[in-house]
């Protein structure tokens, strides 16, 4: 869903409020927006690249937020807060941590 131009400032402030809440709760790791001015690259194992992306991400717009949470249920609650602030559904993913780190 694209936010109407007249609502963009309010949505931005609502999103920043949730991020401030996550920071205050000590669960915020990092986040950011996707730079629409930089085209995505698909980089092959031999180092060659093409200006494209995975077909399923052609419509990706927005940004991402990484939170460190104790449970999946907690992650769902935070994703719901972000979805409410941003006025759009959020995709929730879980990191698989490197066993050697």
N, C-alpha and C. Protein backbone atom coordinates (compact mmCIF):
# COMPACT_ATOMS: atom_id res chain seq x y z
N UNK A 1 0.84 -1.18 0.00
CA UNK A 1 0.00 0.00 0.00
C UNK A 1 0.88 1.24 0.00
N UNK A 2 0.56 2.16 -0.84
CA UNK A 2 1.30 3.42 -0.88
C UNK A 2 0.55 4.45 -0.04
N UNK A 3 1.30 5.16 0.78
CA UNK A 3 0.73 6.18 1.65
C UNK A 3 0.43 7.42 0.80
N UNK A 4 -0.78 7.98 0.91
CA UNK A 4 -1.08 9.21 0.18
C UNK A 4 -0.13 10.33 0.60
N UNK A 5 0.21 11.17 -0.33
CA UNK A 5 1.18 12.25 -0.07
C UNK A 5 0.77 13.11 1.12
N UNK A 6 -0.52 13.36 1.27
CA UNK A 6 -0.97 14.23 2.37
C UNK A 6 -0.81 13.57 3.74
N UNK A 7 -0.63 12.24 3.78
CA UNK A 7 -0.46 11.52 5.04
C UNK A 7 0.99 11.17 5.35
N UNK A 8 1.89 11.47 4.42
CA UNK A 8 3.27 11.02 4.55
C UNK A 8 3.95 11.55 5.82
N UNK A 9 3.77 12.81 6.14
CA UNK A 9 4.41 13.38 7.33
C UNK A 9 3.89 12.71 8.60
N UNK A 10 2.59 12.48 8.68
CA UNK A 10 2.02 11.85 9.87
C UNK A 10 2.49 10.41 10.02
N UNK A 11 2.56 9.69 8.91
CA UNK A 11 3.04 8.31 8.95
C UNK A 11 4.51 8.28 9.35
N UNK A 12 5.31 9.18 8.81
CA UNK A 12 6.72 9.25 9.18
C UNK A 12 6.91 9.49 10.66
N UNK A 13 6.14 10.41 11.22
CA UNK A 13 6.26 10.69 12.65
C UNK A 13 5.78 9.50 13.48
N UNK A 14 4.72 8.84 13.06
CA UNK A 14 4.23 7.67 13.78
C UNK A 14 5.27 6.55 13.77
N UNK A 15 5.92 6.36 12.62
CA UNK A 15 6.96 5.33 12.51
C UNK A 15 8.15 5.67 13.40
N UNK A 16 8.57 6.94 13.37
CA UNK A 16 9.70 7.35 14.23
C UNK A 16 9.35 7.19 15.72
N UNK A 17 8.09 7.40 16.07
CA UNK A 17 7.67 7.22 17.46
C UNK A 17 7.83 5.77 17.90
N UNK A 18 7.45 4.83 17.04
CA UNK A 18 7.62 3.40 17.37
C UNK A 18 9.10 3.06 17.49
N UNK A 19 9.93 3.60 16.61
CA UNK A 19 11.37 3.34 16.69
C UNK A 19 11.95 3.91 17.98
N UNK A 20 11.50 5.11 18.36
CA UNK A 20 11.95 5.67 19.64
C UNK A 20 11.53 4.77 20.80
N UNK A 21 10.32 4.21 20.72
CA UNK A 21 9.84 3.29 21.75
C UNK A 21 10.71 2.02 21.79
N UNK A 22 11.07 1.49 20.63
CA UNK A 22 11.93 0.30 20.57
C UNK A 22 13.31 0.61 21.14
N UNK A 23 13.84 1.79 20.84
CA UNK A 23 15.13 2.18 21.40
C UNK A 23 15.05 2.29 22.92
N UNK A 24 13.99 2.92 23.41
CA UNK A 24 13.82 3.07 24.86
C UNK A 24 13.67 1.71 25.55
N UNK A 25 13.07 0.75 24.84
CA UNK A 25 12.90 -0.60 25.40
C UNK A 25 14.17 -1.43 25.28
N UNK A 26 15.18 -0.92 24.57
CA UNK A 26 16.44 -1.64 24.43
C UNK A 26 16.41 -2.78 23.44
N UNK A 27 15.43 -2.80 22.53
CA UNK A 27 15.32 -3.90 21.56
C UNK A 27 15.76 -3.50 20.15
N UNK A 28 15.96 -2.21 19.91
CA UNK A 28 16.33 -1.72 18.58
C UNK A 28 17.79 -2.05 18.27
N UNK A 29 18.05 -2.66 17.11
CA UNK A 29 19.41 -2.95 16.68
C UNK A 29 19.83 -1.95 15.60
N UNK A 30 19.11 -1.90 14.49
CA UNK A 30 19.33 -0.89 13.46
C UNK A 30 18.18 -0.94 12.47
N UNK A 31 18.12 0.04 11.61
CA UNK A 31 17.09 0.09 10.59
C UNK A 31 17.40 1.18 9.61
N UNK A 32 16.61 1.28 8.60
CA UNK A 32 16.79 2.33 7.62
C UNK A 32 15.87 2.16 6.44
N UNK A 33 15.87 3.15 5.59
CA UNK A 33 15.07 3.11 4.39
C UNK A 33 15.87 2.62 3.21
N UNK A 34 15.16 2.21 2.19
CA UNK A 34 15.80 1.78 0.95
C UNK A 34 16.01 3.00 0.08
N UNK A 35 17.22 3.22 -0.39
CA UNK A 35 17.56 4.36 -1.23
C UNK A 35 17.01 4.13 -2.63
N UNK A 36 15.92 4.81 -2.94
CA UNK A 36 15.27 4.63 -4.25
C UNK A 36 16.11 5.16 -5.40
N UNK A 37 17.11 5.98 -5.11
CA UNK A 37 17.97 6.54 -6.17
C UNK A 37 19.07 5.57 -6.61
N UNK A 38 19.28 4.52 -5.86
CA UNK A 38 20.30 3.52 -6.19
C UNK A 38 19.61 2.25 -6.67
N UNK A 39 19.78 1.93 -7.93
CA UNK A 39 19.14 0.75 -8.49
C UNK A 39 19.69 -0.52 -7.85
N UNK A 40 18.84 -1.53 -7.65
CA UNK A 40 19.33 -2.79 -7.09
C UNK A 40 20.23 -3.51 -8.09
N UNK A 41 21.19 -4.23 -7.56
CA UNK A 41 22.10 -5.02 -8.39
C UNK A 41 21.96 -6.49 -8.03
N UNK A 42 22.03 -7.34 -9.03
CA UNK A 42 22.11 -8.78 -8.81
C UNK A 42 23.57 -9.15 -9.12
N UNK A 43 24.30 -9.58 -8.10
CA UNK A 43 25.72 -9.88 -8.24
C UNK A 43 25.91 -11.40 -8.28
N UNK A 44 26.54 -11.89 -9.33
CA UNK A 44 26.78 -13.32 -9.50
C UNK A 44 28.06 -13.74 -8.78
N UNK A 45 28.25 -15.04 -8.63
CA UNK A 45 29.41 -15.57 -7.91
C UNK A 45 30.73 -15.22 -8.59
N UNK A 46 30.70 -14.91 -9.90
CA UNK A 46 31.94 -14.53 -10.59
C UNK A 46 32.19 -13.02 -10.55
N UNK A 47 31.32 -12.29 -9.85
CA UNK A 47 31.50 -10.85 -9.70
C UNK A 47 30.78 -10.01 -10.74
N UNK A 48 30.23 -10.64 -11.77
CA UNK A 48 29.46 -9.87 -12.74
C UNK A 48 28.14 -9.45 -12.10
N UNK A 49 27.57 -8.37 -12.62
CA UNK A 49 26.31 -7.90 -12.05
C UNK A 49 25.39 -7.36 -13.13
N UNK A 50 24.12 -7.35 -12.80
CA UNK A 50 23.10 -6.76 -13.66
C UNK A 50 22.21 -5.90 -12.79
N UNK A 51 21.63 -4.89 -13.39
CA UNK A 51 20.72 -3.99 -12.67
C UNK A 51 19.33 -4.62 -12.63
N UNK A 52 19.13 -5.46 -11.64
CA UNK A 52 17.85 -6.12 -11.47
C UNK A 52 17.73 -6.60 -10.03
N UNK A 53 16.60 -7.19 -9.72
CA UNK A 53 16.36 -7.76 -8.40
C UNK A 53 15.56 -9.04 -8.57
N UNK A 54 15.30 -9.72 -7.48
CA UNK A 54 14.46 -10.90 -7.54
C UNK A 54 13.06 -10.47 -8.01
N UNK A 55 12.41 -11.26 -8.84
CA UNK A 55 11.08 -10.88 -9.34
C UNK A 55 10.08 -10.58 -8.22
N UNK A 56 10.14 -11.32 -7.14
CA UNK A 56 9.17 -11.13 -6.07
C UNK A 56 9.39 -9.83 -5.28
N UNK A 57 10.52 -9.15 -5.49
CA UNK A 57 10.77 -7.91 -4.76
C UNK A 57 10.67 -6.68 -5.65
N UNK A 58 10.15 -6.80 -6.84
CA UNK A 58 10.02 -5.66 -7.75
C UNK A 58 9.22 -4.53 -7.11
N UNK A 59 8.24 -4.87 -6.30
CA UNK A 59 7.37 -3.86 -5.70
C UNK A 59 7.82 -3.43 -4.31
N UNK A 60 8.99 -3.87 -3.87
CA UNK A 60 9.47 -3.53 -2.53
C UNK A 60 9.68 -2.03 -2.43
N UNK A 61 9.13 -1.45 -1.39
CA UNK A 61 9.24 -0.02 -1.19
C UNK A 61 9.25 0.22 0.32
N UNK A 62 10.14 1.03 0.77
CA UNK A 62 10.16 1.34 2.19
C UNK A 62 11.50 1.07 2.81
N UNK A 63 11.50 0.41 3.92
CA UNK A 63 12.74 0.18 4.64
C UNK A 63 12.63 -1.07 5.48
N UNK A 64 13.48 -1.12 6.49
CA UNK A 64 13.50 -2.30 7.35
C UNK A 64 13.93 -1.87 8.73
N UNK A 65 13.66 -2.74 9.67
CA UNK A 65 14.02 -2.49 11.06
C UNK A 65 14.43 -3.82 11.67
N UNK A 66 15.55 -3.84 12.35
CA UNK A 66 16.02 -5.05 13.01
C UNK A 66 15.90 -4.84 14.52
N UNK A 67 15.15 -5.72 15.15
CA UNK A 67 14.97 -5.68 16.59
C UNK A 67 15.47 -7.00 17.17
N UNK A 68 16.01 -6.95 18.36
CA UNK A 68 16.42 -8.17 19.05
C UNK A 68 15.40 -8.43 20.15
N UNK A 69 14.64 -9.50 19.97
CA UNK A 69 13.53 -9.78 20.86
C UNK A 69 13.62 -11.20 21.42
N UNK A 70 13.05 -11.44 22.59
CA UNK A 70 13.22 -12.74 23.24
C UNK A 70 12.38 -13.86 22.63
N UNK A 71 11.27 -13.52 21.97
CA UNK A 71 10.38 -14.55 21.44
C UNK A 71 9.77 -14.10 20.12
N UNK A 72 9.27 -15.06 19.38
CA UNK A 72 8.55 -14.74 18.13
C UNK A 72 7.28 -13.96 18.44
N UNK A 73 6.61 -14.29 19.54
CA UNK A 73 5.41 -13.56 19.93
C UNK A 73 5.72 -12.08 20.17
N UNK A 74 6.85 -11.80 20.80
CA UNK A 74 7.26 -10.41 21.00
C UNK A 74 7.53 -9.74 19.66
N UNK A 75 8.13 -10.47 18.73
CA UNK A 75 8.39 -9.92 17.39
C UNK A 75 7.09 -9.59 16.68
N UNK A 76 6.10 -10.45 16.82
CA UNK A 76 4.79 -10.19 16.20
C UNK A 76 4.16 -8.93 16.79
N UNK A 77 4.27 -8.75 18.08
CA UNK A 77 3.71 -7.54 18.71
C UNK A 77 4.39 -6.28 18.19
N UNK A 78 5.72 -6.30 18.09
CA UNK A 78 6.44 -5.14 17.56
C UNK A 78 6.13 -4.92 16.09
N UNK A 79 6.02 -5.98 15.31
CA UNK A 79 5.67 -5.83 13.88
C UNK A 79 4.29 -5.21 13.74
N UNK A 80 3.37 -5.56 14.62
CA UNK A 80 2.04 -4.98 14.59
C UNK A 80 2.09 -3.48 14.92
N UNK A 81 2.93 -3.09 15.87
CA UNK A 81 3.09 -1.67 16.19
C UNK A 81 3.62 -0.90 14.99
N UNK A 82 4.61 -1.48 14.32
CA UNK A 82 5.19 -0.83 13.15
C UNK A 82 4.17 -0.78 12.01
N UNK A 83 3.43 -1.87 11.80
CA UNK A 83 2.41 -1.90 10.76
C UNK A 83 1.35 -0.83 11.00
N UNK A 84 0.95 -0.69 12.24
CA UNK A 84 -0.05 0.32 12.58
C UNK A 84 0.48 1.72 12.29
N UNK A 85 1.72 1.98 12.69
CA UNK A 85 2.32 3.30 12.46
C UNK A 85 2.50 3.60 10.98
N UNK A 86 2.93 2.59 10.23
CA UNK A 86 3.23 2.77 8.80
C UNK A 86 1.99 2.62 7.91
N UNK A 87 0.91 2.15 8.50
CA UNK A 87 -0.34 1.93 7.77
C UNK A 87 -0.20 0.90 6.66
N UNK A 88 0.63 -0.08 6.90
CA UNK A 88 0.78 -1.15 5.92
C UNK A 88 1.34 -2.40 6.62
N UNK A 89 1.06 -3.54 6.03
CA UNK A 89 1.55 -4.80 6.58
C UNK A 89 3.07 -4.83 6.60
N UNK A 90 3.61 -5.59 7.54
CA UNK A 90 5.05 -5.73 7.67
C UNK A 90 5.43 -7.20 7.51
N UNK A 91 6.51 -7.45 6.80
CA UNK A 91 7.01 -8.81 6.67
C UNK A 91 7.95 -9.08 7.83
N UNK A 92 7.71 -10.14 8.55
CA UNK A 92 8.52 -10.50 9.71
C UNK A 92 9.45 -11.64 9.31
N UNK A 93 10.73 -11.44 9.55
CA UNK A 93 11.74 -12.47 9.28
C UNK A 93 12.58 -12.66 10.54
N UNK A 94 13.14 -13.85 10.66
CA UNK A 94 13.99 -14.17 11.80
C UNK A 94 15.40 -14.46 11.31
N UNK A 95 16.38 -13.85 11.96
CA UNK A 95 17.78 -14.10 11.61
C UNK A 95 18.22 -15.45 12.12
N UNK A 96 19.05 -16.12 11.34
CA UNK A 96 19.75 -17.30 11.79
C UNK A 96 21.15 -16.86 12.15
N UNK A 97 21.49 -16.92 13.40
CA UNK A 97 22.78 -16.40 13.84
C UNK A 97 23.93 -17.31 13.44
N UNK A 98 25.07 -16.73 13.19
CA UNK A 98 26.28 -17.43 12.82
C UNK A 98 26.81 -18.20 14.03
N UNK A 99 26.91 -19.49 13.91
CA UNK A 99 27.36 -20.34 15.02
C UNK A 99 28.79 -20.05 15.43
N UNK A 100 29.57 -19.41 14.55
CA UNK A 100 30.98 -19.13 14.86
C UNK A 100 31.19 -17.73 15.45
N UNK A 101 30.14 -16.99 15.64
CA UNK A 101 30.34 -15.64 16.18
C UNK A 101 30.11 -15.59 17.66
